[in-house]
Structure formats: structure tokens, C-alpha cells
Amino acid sequence: MDSSAWGPEIAEVYDKTYAATFEPSVVGPIVELLAELARGGPALEFAVGTGRVALPLSARGSPCTASSCPRTWPDSCSPSPAPTRSR
């Protein structure tokens, strides 16, 4: 796949499009397991996207090195506000 299809335009809407995957009930168990496996040591995340896993894992004390094919995406890694749920 041409990595230009995954440019900054997609990174801008990724968090909103996949908001459900940012829910604590989804990310929490993933980060918990990875933090346990890393034991406070460094972690490497491939296809980091906007940092959905790397940022909370880093916040738990495991420094993360991120790799992403579309080189513009790591620029979009920043703490995202927790998604809000409509009722």
C-alpha cells in the first residue's frame, strides 16, 4: 500500500474515527499487559499511529520508541483527550 494514503489528513481524523479503540476498557488491558512484560524497561511499538498504546505505556514508566510507516504520523502523537460518550 502506498504510504501516502496514510498521510496527515488521516492522522487528523484517526482518533475520532476509531474513538472506541481509545476507551479505557480497550486500551487499559493492552497497556497493563505490555507494562507487565516490559517491567519498566523500554518498549518498541510498530505502527504507532497516533500513540494510542505508546503514550499510556510511556506514562506508566516504560519509555517507548515508536515506528510508523507513514513518517508524518509520529508527528501527530500527542496525548488525546479521553473520548466522550453520547447518551
C-alpha atoms as a PDB file:
ATOM      1  CA  MET A   1       0.000   0.000   0.000  1.00  0.00           C
ATOM      2  CA  ASP A   2       1.206   3.461  -0.852  1.00  0.00           C
ATOM      3  CA  SER A   3       2.032   5.156   2.453  1.00  0.00           C
ATOM      4  CA  SER A   4       0.852   8.491   1.049  1.00  0.00           C
ATOM      5  CA  ALA A   5      -2.698   7.148   1.544  1.00  0.00           C
ATOM      6  CA  TRP A   6      -1.995   7.390   5.277  1.00  0.00           C
ATOM      7  CA  GLY A   7      -0.840  10.996   5.392  1.00  0.00           C
ATOM      8  CA  PRO A   8      -1.542  13.825   7.819  1.00  0.00           C
ATOM      9  CA  GLU A   9      -5.170  14.084   6.696  1.00  0.00           C
ATOM     10  CA  ILE A  10      -5.903  10.599   8.029  1.00  0.00           C
ATOM     11  CA  ALA A  11      -3.915  11.165  11.219  1.00  0.00           C
ATOM     12  CA  GLU A  12      -6.104  14.195  11.919  1.00  0.00           C
ATOM     13  CA  VAL A  13      -9.326  12.162  11.928  1.00  0.00           C
ATOM     14  CA  TYR A  14      -7.987   8.796  13.120  1.00  0.00           C
ATOM     15  CA  ASP A  15      -8.694   9.374  16.817  1.00  0.00           C
ATOM     16  CA  LYS A  16     -12.278  10.417  16.101  1.00  0.00           C
ATOM     17  CA  THR A  17     -12.919   7.632  13.605  1.00  0.00           C
ATOM     18  CA  TYR A  18     -11.640   4.938  15.953  1.00  0.00           C
ATOM     19  CA  ALA A  19     -12.691   6.543  19.244  1.00  0.00           C
ATOM     20  CA  ALA A  20     -13.980   3.240  20.620  1.00  0.00           C
ATOM     21  CA  THR A  21     -10.465   1.772  20.468  1.00  0.00           C
ATOM     22  CA  PHE A  22      -9.264   4.554  22.791  1.00  0.00           C
ATOM     23  CA  GLU A  23     -11.737   3.612  25.524  1.00  0.00           C
ATOM     24  CA  PRO A  24     -10.050   2.672  28.814  1.00  0.00           C
ATOM     25  CA  SER A  25     -11.782  -0.716  28.678  1.00  0.00           C
ATOM     26  CA  VAL A  26      -9.955  -1.434  25.403  1.00  0.00           C
ATOM     27  CA  VAL A  27      -6.594   0.284  25.905  1.00  0.00           C
ATOM     28  CA  GLY A  28      -6.268  -0.463  29.628  1.00  0.00           C
ATOM     29  CA  PRO A  29      -5.797  -4.242  29.397  1.00  0.00           C
ATOM     30  CA  ILE A  30      -3.358  -3.848  26.490  1.00  0.00           C
ATOM     31  CA  VAL A  31      -1.243  -1.311  28.362  1.00  0.00           C
ATOM     32  CA  GLU A  32      -1.431  -3.359  31.569  1.00  0.00           C
ATOM     33  CA  LEU A  33      -0.093  -6.476  29.842  1.00  0.00           C
ATOM     34  CA  LEU A  34       2.640  -4.604  27.978  1.00  0.00           C
ATOM     35  CA  ALA A  35       3.733  -2.744  31.125  1.00  0.00           C
ATOM     36  CA  GLU A  36       3.960  -6.072  32.955  1.00  0.00           C
ATOM     37  CA  LEU A  37       6.013  -7.603  30.141  1.00  0.00           C
ATOM     38  CA  ALA A  38       8.296  -4.540  29.888  1.00  0.00           C
ATOM     39  CA  ARG A  39       8.905  -4.459  33.671  1.00  0.00           C
ATOM     40  CA  GLY A  40       9.651  -0.742  33.478  1.00  0.00           C
ATOM     41  CA  GLY A  41      12.091  -1.243  30.630  1.00  0.00           C
ATOM     42  CA  PRO A  42      11.844   0.207  27.151  1.00  0.00           C
ATOM     43  CA  ALA A  43       9.245  -0.834  24.598  1.00  0.00           C
ATOM     44  CA  LEU A  44       9.115  -0.673  20.808  1.00  0.00           C
ATOM     45  CA  GLU A  45       5.789  -0.163  19.089  1.00  0.00           C
ATOM     46  CA  PHE A  46       5.432  -0.746  15.379  1.00  0.00           C
ATOM     47  CA  ALA A  47       2.659   1.082  13.501  1.00  0.00           C
ATOM     48  CA  VAL A  48       2.294   3.521  16.388  1.00  0.00           C
ATOM     49  CA  GLY A  49      -0.328   5.610  14.612  1.00  0.00           C
ATOM     50  CA  THR A  50      -1.299   8.461  16.912  1.00  0.00           C
ATOM     51  CA  GLY A  51       0.121   6.821  20.025  1.00  0.00           C
ATOM     52  CA  ARG A  52      -2.997   5.101  21.393  1.00  0.00           C
ATOM     53  CA  VAL A  53      -0.877   2.470  23.191  1.00  0.00           C
ATOM     54  CA  ALA A  54       2.606   4.033  23.259  1.00  0.00           C
ATOM     55  CA  LEU A  55       1.591   7.173  25.155  1.00  0.00           C
ATOM     56  CA  PRO A  56      -0.163   5.469  28.095  1.00  0.00           C
ATOM     57  CA  LEU A  57       2.557   2.809  28.225  1.00  0.00           C
ATOM     58  CA  SER A  58       5.189   5.524  28.423  1.00  0.00           C
ATOM     59  CA  ALA A  59       3.170   7.270  31.129  1.00  0.00           C
ATOM     60  CA  ARG A  60       3.344   4.024  33.128  1.00  0.00           C
ATOM     61  CA  GLY A  61       7.136   4.181  33.112  1.00  0.00           C
ATOM     62  CA  SER A  62       8.151   2.202  30.037  1.00  0.00           C
ATOM     63  CA  PRO A  63       9.906   4.539  27.591  1.00  0.00           C
ATOM     64  CA  CYS A  64       8.592   3.829  24.097  1.00  0.00           C
ATOM     65  CA  THR A  65      10.309   4.016  20.758  1.00  0.00           C
ATOM     66  CA  ALA A  66       7.727   4.354  18.024  1.00  0.00           C
ATOM     67  CA  SER A  67       7.911   3.200  14.434  1.00  0.00           C
ATOM     68  CA  SER A  68       5.438   4.125  11.759  1.00  0.00           C
ATOM     69  CA  CYS A  69       5.489   3.648   8.015  1.00  0.00           C
ATOM     70  CA  PRO A  70       3.816   6.982   7.241  1.00  0.00           C
ATOM     71  CA  ARG A  71       6.514   9.238   8.641  1.00  0.00           C
ATOM     72  CA  THR A  72       4.056  12.050   9.323  1.00  0.00           C
ATOM     73  CA  TRP A  73       2.068  10.071  11.901  1.00  0.00           C
ATOM     74  CA  PRO A  74       4.552  10.165  14.782  1.00  0.00           C
ATOM     75  CA  ASP A  75       4.321  13.941  14.483  1.00  0.00           C
ATOM     76  CA  SER A  76       0.652  13.563  15.404  1.00  0.00           C
ATOM     77  CA  CYS A  77       1.407  11.609  18.588  1.00  0.00           C
ATOM     78  CA  SER A  78       0.155  13.695  21.417  1.00  0.00           C
ATOM     79  CA  PRO A  79      -1.986  12.953  24.392  1.00  0.00           C
ATOM     80  CA  SER A  80      -5.544  12.840  23.138  1.00  0.00           C
ATOM     81  CA  PRO A  81      -8.410  13.855  25.363  1.00  0.00           C
ATOM     82  CA  ALA A  82     -10.420  10.932  26.607  1.00  0.00           C
ATOM     83  CA  PRO A  83     -13.313  10.300  24.257  1.00  0.00           C
ATOM     84  CA  THR A  84     -16.707  11.368  25.498  1.00  0.00           C
ATOM     85  CA  ARG A  85     -19.705   9.138  25.199  1.00  0.00           C
ATOM     86  CA  SER A  86     -23.057  10.415  23.995  1.00  0.00           C
ATOM     87  CA  ARG A  87     -26.081   9.170  25.870  1.00  0.00           C
END
